[in-house]
Amino acid sequence: MTPISESTEMTAANTDSGVDIAGRVRAFLVDSFLLGDDDGFANDESLLDTGIVDSTGVMEVVSFLEESFSISVDDDELVAENLDSVERLAAFVGRKLG
């Protein structure tokens, strides 16, 4: 039998779909910025405009993306079009993994 942690790593590394990515990103945001209290914000809501993430928090999100999905985020990719909502973050990671 495969240990749960090993199984989770295998699933995360091999089967990232848009839904899985969005769920993982949302869970990170809720745990890191909302102290575990998911207030029901929409996945297309601006993280900056709603105050969920501030400019410093964006760098925490980028670190999470790089570590969790084994991607590299270039300076020119640090724009709202890529990073300002759960949907945009998931789409960005999907493109990087694509």
Protein backbone atom coordinates (compact mmCIF):
# COMPACT_ATOMS: atom_id res chain seq x y z
CA MET A 1 0.00 0.00 0.00
CA THR A 2 1.29 3.49 -0.88
CA PRO A 3 1.60 5.96 2.02
CA ILE A 4 -0.85 8.84 1.77
CA SER A 5 1.86 11.50 1.44
CA GLU A 6 3.53 9.62 -1.41
CA SER A 7 0.19 9.07 -3.11
CA THR A 8 -0.68 12.76 -2.77
CA GLU A 9 2.63 13.82 -4.30
CA MET A 10 2.17 11.44 -7.20
CA THR A 11 -1.34 12.73 -7.87
CA ALA A 12 -0.29 16.36 -7.64
CA ALA A 13 2.64 15.88 -9.97
CA ASN A 14 0.93 13.76 -12.59
CA THR A 15 -2.71 14.76 -12.83
CA ASP A 16 -2.98 18.53 -12.46
CA SER A 17 -6.13 19.58 -14.22
CA GLY A 18 -7.51 23.10 -14.15
CA VAL A 19 -9.87 22.09 -11.34
CA ASP A 20 -7.11 20.50 -9.26
CA ILE A 21 -4.87 23.53 -9.76
CA ALA A 22 -7.63 25.97 -8.81
CA GLY A 23 -8.49 23.92 -5.74
CA ARG A 24 -4.90 23.78 -4.57
CA VAL A 25 -4.41 27.52 -5.19
CA ARG A 26 -7.65 28.38 -3.39
CA ALA A 27 -6.73 26.16 -0.43
CA PHE A 28 -3.33 27.89 -0.18
CA LEU A 29 -4.95 31.35 -0.29
CA VAL A 30 -7.52 30.43 2.35
CA ASP A 31 -4.92 28.89 4.66
CA SER A 32 -2.28 31.58 4.18
CA PHE A 33 -4.28 34.79 3.90
CA LEU A 34 -7.72 34.10 5.37
CA LEU A 35 -6.54 32.04 8.36
CA GLY A 36 -8.44 29.00 7.13
CA ASP A 37 -11.78 30.82 6.90
CA ASP A 38 -13.07 30.47 3.33
CA ASP A 39 -15.55 33.33 3.20
CA GLY A 40 -16.92 32.16 -0.14
CA PHE A 41 -15.09 34.59 -2.41
CA ALA A 42 -15.54 33.83 -6.11
CA ASN A 43 -12.70 32.25 -8.07
CA ASP A 44 -12.86 35.14 -10.55
CA GLU A 45 -12.69 37.89 -7.89
CA SER A 46 -9.64 40.12 -7.85
CA LEU A 47 -7.39 39.07 -4.99
CA LEU A 48 -5.83 42.52 -4.80
CA ASP A 49 -9.04 44.57 -5.09
CA THR A 50 -10.76 42.52 -2.38
CA GLY A 51 -7.72 42.78 -0.10
CA ILE A 52 -7.23 39.02 0.15
CA VAL A 53 -3.64 39.44 -1.07
CA ASP A 54 -1.47 42.56 -0.95
CA SER A 55 1.66 43.29 -2.96
CA THR A 56 3.86 41.40 -0.52
CA GLY A 57 1.43 38.50 -0.55
CA VAL A 58 1.80 38.21 -4.31
CA MET A 59 5.39 37.11 -3.77
CA GLU A 60 4.20 34.44 -1.30
CA VAL A 61 1.74 33.21 -3.93
CA VAL A 62 4.50 33.10 -6.54
CA SER A 63 6.73 31.08 -4.19
CA PHE A 64 3.85 28.68 -3.58
CA LEU A 65 3.27 28.24 -7.33
CA GLU A 66 6.96 27.65 -8.03
CA GLU A 67 7.36 25.12 -5.23
CA SER A 68 4.03 23.33 -5.59
CA PHE A 69 3.91 23.03 -9.36
CA SER A 70 7.64 23.00 -10.16
CA ILE A 71 7.40 26.02 -12.41
CA SER A 72 9.47 29.17 -12.73
CA VAL A 73 7.75 32.55 -12.79
CA ASP A 74 9.68 35.19 -14.72
CA ASP A 75 9.62 38.87 -13.76
CA ASP A 76 7.66 39.79 -16.89
CA GLU A 77 4.95 37.30 -15.86
CA LEU A 78 4.28 39.11 -12.57
CA VAL A 79 1.18 40.87 -13.90
CA ALA A 80 -2.47 40.95 -12.85
CA GLU A 81 -3.50 39.04 -15.96
CA ASN A 82 -1.66 36.02 -14.53
CA LEU A 83 -1.96 36.44 -10.78
CA ASP A 84 -5.06 38.41 -9.74
CA SER A 85 -7.65 35.68 -9.15
CA VAL A 86 -7.87 31.97 -8.49
CA GLU A 87 -9.02 31.44 -12.09
CA ARG A 88 -6.14 33.48 -13.51
CA LEU A 89 -3.60 31.74 -11.30
CA ALA A 90 -4.90 28.30 -12.31
CA ALA A 91 -4.88 29.22 -16.01
CA PHE A 92 -1.34 30.61 -15.70
CA VAL A 93 -0.06 27.45 -14.01
CA GLY A 94 -1.85 25.34 -16.61
CA ARG A 95 -0.08 27.23 -19.40
CA LYS A 96 3.28 26.84 -17.66
CA LEU A 97 2.72 23.11 -17.23
CA GLY A 98 1.23 22.74 -20.71
